[in-house]
Structures are given as C-alpha cells and as structure tokens.
N, C-alpha and C. Protein backbone atom coordinates (compact mmCIF):
# COMPACT_ATOMS: atom_id res chain seq x y z
N MET A 1 -3.00 -11.57 7.00
CA MET A 1 -3.98 -12.52 6.54
C MET A 1 -4.26 -12.29 5.07
N VAL A 2 -4.47 -13.36 4.38
CA VAL A 2 -4.79 -13.30 2.97
C VAL A 2 -6.09 -14.06 2.73
N LEU A 3 -6.99 -13.45 2.03
CA LEU A 3 -8.25 -14.07 1.64
C LEU A 3 -8.16 -14.38 0.15
N ILE A 4 -8.55 -15.59 -0.23
CA ILE A 4 -8.58 -15.95 -1.64
C ILE A 4 -10.01 -16.36 -1.97
N LEU A 5 -10.60 -15.67 -2.94
CA LEU A 5 -11.96 -15.94 -3.37
C LEU A 5 -11.93 -16.31 -4.85
N ILE A 6 -12.41 -17.50 -5.15
CA ILE A 6 -12.42 -17.97 -6.54
C ILE A 6 -13.87 -17.96 -7.02
N GLU A 7 -14.11 -17.23 -8.09
CA GLU A 7 -15.42 -17.14 -8.71
C GLU A 7 -15.27 -17.48 -10.19
N PRO A 8 -16.37 -17.75 -10.88
CA PRO A 8 -16.26 -18.11 -12.30
C PRO A 8 -15.56 -17.05 -13.16
N GLN A 9 -15.74 -15.77 -12.84
CA GLN A 9 -15.20 -14.71 -13.68
C GLN A 9 -13.95 -14.03 -13.13
N ARG A 10 -13.59 -14.35 -11.88
CA ARG A 10 -12.43 -13.65 -11.31
C ARG A 10 -11.82 -14.43 -10.16
N LEU A 11 -10.62 -14.04 -9.85
CA LEU A 11 -9.89 -14.53 -8.68
C LEU A 11 -9.57 -13.30 -7.86
N LEU A 12 -9.94 -13.30 -6.60
CA LEU A 12 -9.77 -12.13 -5.76
C LEU A 12 -8.88 -12.48 -4.57
N PHE A 13 -7.83 -11.70 -4.41
CA PHE A 13 -6.97 -11.81 -3.24
C PHE A 13 -7.28 -10.62 -2.34
N GLY A 14 -7.58 -10.87 -1.08
CA GLY A 14 -7.82 -9.79 -0.13
C GLY A 14 -6.73 -9.82 0.93
N PHE A 15 -6.21 -8.68 1.26
CA PHE A 15 -5.13 -8.58 2.25
C PHE A 15 -5.60 -7.69 3.40
N TRP A 16 -5.69 -8.27 4.60
CA TRP A 16 -5.97 -7.45 5.78
C TRP A 16 -4.79 -6.50 5.95
N GLN A 17 -5.07 -5.29 6.28
CA GLN A 17 -4.09 -4.22 6.36
C GLN A 17 -3.40 -3.98 5.02
N GLY A 18 -4.05 -4.41 3.95
CA GLY A 18 -3.48 -4.29 2.61
C GLY A 18 -3.31 -2.87 2.12
N GLN A 19 -4.09 -1.93 2.70
CA GLN A 19 -3.92 -0.54 2.29
C GLN A 19 -2.52 -0.05 2.64
N ARG A 20 -1.90 -0.68 3.60
CA ARG A 20 -0.53 -0.32 3.97
C ARG A 20 0.49 -0.94 3.02
N LEU A 21 0.02 -1.77 2.07
CA LEU A 21 0.91 -2.47 1.14
C LEU A 21 0.83 -1.92 -0.28
N ARG A 22 0.09 -0.85 -0.47
CA ARG A 22 -0.13 -0.35 -1.83
C ARG A 22 1.14 0.14 -2.50
N GLN A 23 2.15 0.53 -1.74
CA GLN A 23 3.41 0.95 -2.36
C GLN A 23 4.15 -0.26 -2.95
N ILE A 24 3.86 -1.46 -2.45
CA ILE A 24 4.48 -2.68 -2.97
C ILE A 24 3.75 -3.15 -4.23
N GLU A 25 2.40 -3.10 -4.19
CA GLU A 25 1.59 -3.55 -5.32
C GLU A 25 0.50 -2.51 -5.58
N PRO A 26 0.71 -1.63 -6.57
CA PRO A 26 -0.22 -0.54 -6.84
C PRO A 26 -1.60 -0.98 -7.32
N ARG A 27 -1.75 -2.24 -7.76
CA ARG A 27 -3.07 -2.72 -8.19
C ARG A 27 -3.98 -3.04 -7.00
N LEU A 28 -3.47 -3.02 -5.79
CA LEU A 28 -4.31 -3.24 -4.62
C LEU A 28 -5.29 -2.09 -4.49
N ARG A 29 -6.56 -2.42 -4.28
CA ARG A 29 -7.61 -1.42 -4.14
C ARG A 29 -8.20 -1.46 -2.74
N PRO A 30 -8.34 -0.30 -2.09
CA PRO A 30 -8.93 -0.27 -0.75
C PRO A 30 -10.34 -0.86 -0.76
N ALA A 31 -10.67 -1.63 0.28
CA ALA A 31 -11.99 -2.24 0.37
C ALA A 31 -12.25 -2.70 1.80
N GLY A 32 -13.47 -2.51 2.26
CA GLY A 32 -13.91 -3.09 3.52
C GLY A 32 -13.23 -2.54 4.76
N LYS A 33 -13.32 -3.33 5.81
CA LYS A 33 -12.79 -2.94 7.11
C LYS A 33 -11.33 -3.36 7.27
N TYR A 34 -10.77 -2.99 8.38
CA TYR A 34 -9.43 -3.42 8.79
C TYR A 34 -8.35 -3.04 7.79
N GLN A 35 -8.51 -1.90 7.15
CA GLN A 35 -7.55 -1.42 6.15
C GLN A 35 -7.33 -2.44 5.04
N MET A 36 -8.37 -3.21 4.73
CA MET A 36 -8.26 -4.25 3.72
C MET A 36 -8.05 -3.64 2.34
N ALA A 37 -7.36 -4.38 1.50
CA ALA A 37 -7.20 -4.03 0.09
C ALA A 37 -7.29 -5.33 -0.70
N THR A 38 -7.76 -5.23 -1.93
CA THR A 38 -7.93 -6.42 -2.76
C THR A 38 -7.18 -6.30 -4.07
N LEU A 39 -6.81 -7.44 -4.59
CA LEU A 39 -6.18 -7.55 -5.90
C LEU A 39 -7.07 -8.48 -6.71
N GLU A 40 -7.69 -7.95 -7.75
CA GLU A 40 -8.62 -8.72 -8.58
C GLU A 40 -7.94 -9.12 -9.87
N LEU A 41 -8.06 -10.41 -10.20
CA LEU A 41 -7.50 -10.92 -11.43
C LEU A 41 -8.62 -11.54 -12.25
N ARG A 42 -8.59 -11.28 -13.54
CA ARG A 42 -9.59 -11.83 -14.46
C ARG A 42 -8.86 -12.54 -15.60
N GLU A 43 -9.61 -13.34 -16.32
CA GLU A 43 -9.04 -14.09 -17.43
C GLU A 43 -8.28 -13.16 -18.37
N GLY A 44 -7.11 -13.60 -18.77
CA GLY A 44 -6.29 -12.82 -19.68
C GLY A 44 -5.30 -11.90 -18.99
N MET A 45 -5.47 -11.68 -17.70
CA MET A 45 -4.53 -10.83 -16.96
C MET A 45 -3.31 -11.67 -16.59
N ALA A 46 -2.16 -11.09 -16.77
CA ALA A 46 -0.92 -11.78 -16.41
C ALA A 46 -0.77 -11.83 -14.90
N LEU A 47 -0.27 -12.94 -14.42
CA LEU A 47 -0.02 -13.09 -12.99
C LEU A 47 1.35 -13.69 -12.79
N ALA A 48 2.21 -12.93 -12.20
CA ALA A 48 3.51 -13.43 -11.80
C ALA A 48 3.43 -13.79 -10.33
N ARG A 49 4.28 -14.65 -9.86
CA ARG A 49 4.28 -15.06 -8.46
C ARG A 49 4.50 -13.86 -7.55
N GLN A 50 5.37 -12.98 -7.93
CA GLN A 50 5.77 -11.86 -7.07
C GLN A 50 4.62 -10.93 -6.67
N PRO A 51 3.70 -10.54 -7.59
CA PRO A 51 2.65 -9.62 -7.16
C PRO A 51 1.77 -10.15 -6.03
N VAL A 52 1.67 -11.45 -5.88
CA VAL A 52 0.89 -12.01 -4.79
C VAL A 52 1.78 -12.35 -3.60
N ALA A 53 2.93 -12.91 -3.86
CA ALA A 53 3.80 -13.36 -2.78
C ALA A 53 4.32 -12.21 -1.92
N THR A 54 4.76 -11.14 -2.53
CA THR A 54 5.32 -10.03 -1.76
C THR A 54 4.29 -9.39 -0.84
N PRO A 55 3.09 -9.01 -1.34
CA PRO A 55 2.10 -8.46 -0.40
C PRO A 55 1.70 -9.47 0.67
N ALA A 56 1.63 -10.75 0.33
CA ALA A 56 1.26 -11.76 1.33
C ALA A 56 2.31 -11.84 2.42
N GLN A 57 3.57 -11.81 2.05
CA GLN A 57 4.65 -11.86 3.03
C GLN A 57 4.64 -10.61 3.91
N GLU A 58 4.44 -9.45 3.30
CA GLU A 58 4.42 -8.21 4.06
C GLU A 58 3.17 -8.12 4.94
N ALA A 59 2.03 -8.62 4.46
CA ALA A 59 0.81 -8.63 5.27
C ALA A 59 1.00 -9.50 6.49
N ALA A 60 1.67 -10.62 6.33
CA ALA A 60 1.94 -11.50 7.47
C ALA A 60 2.78 -10.77 8.51
N LYS A 61 3.75 -10.01 8.08
CA LYS A 61 4.57 -9.25 9.03
C LYS A 61 3.72 -8.22 9.78
N LEU A 62 2.82 -7.55 9.07
CA LEU A 62 1.97 -6.54 9.72
C LEU A 62 1.02 -7.17 10.74
N ASP A 63 0.49 -8.34 10.44
CA ASP A 63 -0.46 -8.99 11.33
C ASP A 63 0.19 -9.49 12.62
N TRP A 64 1.49 -9.67 12.61
CA TRP A 64 2.17 -10.17 13.80
C TRP A 64 2.74 -9.06 14.67
N VAL A 65 2.65 -7.83 14.19
CA VAL A 65 3.15 -6.70 14.97
C VAL A 65 2.14 -6.38 16.06
N VAL A 66 2.58 -6.33 17.29
CA VAL A 66 1.70 -6.05 18.43
C VAL A 66 1.97 -4.67 18.96
C-alpha cells in the first residue's frame, strides 16, 4: 500500500511495510505502525520516477504475501 499526502510545503509518500524497502530507497524513514516508512519531498528536491515506482512495486509484492 502506498499513501500519498499532499501539503502546501511537502509531498509525502508512505509505504506500508516500507521499513523492509529501505535497501531499495535509503531516503525512506521509519514511521508509525505496520513497519511503515515515509519518503518526504519538498520544493527543490529532485524526483525521478524510479525512487517512487520501485518501492511502490516492491511494497505491493509484500502486501500480497500471505
């Protein structure tokens, strides 16, 4: 699961089980329950498609594992 929060000063991506994805994207920071991790972007920070797409794809795989 991916959470996207848009605020005036930042864009926040939250990944459930994201703490398990930190080797893919080191900017992910542990936060909250369910092994969540967040990636915070602010004005002026570069954003390539890959830093969001790869953790999102991997998070989806983790959420479907039973």
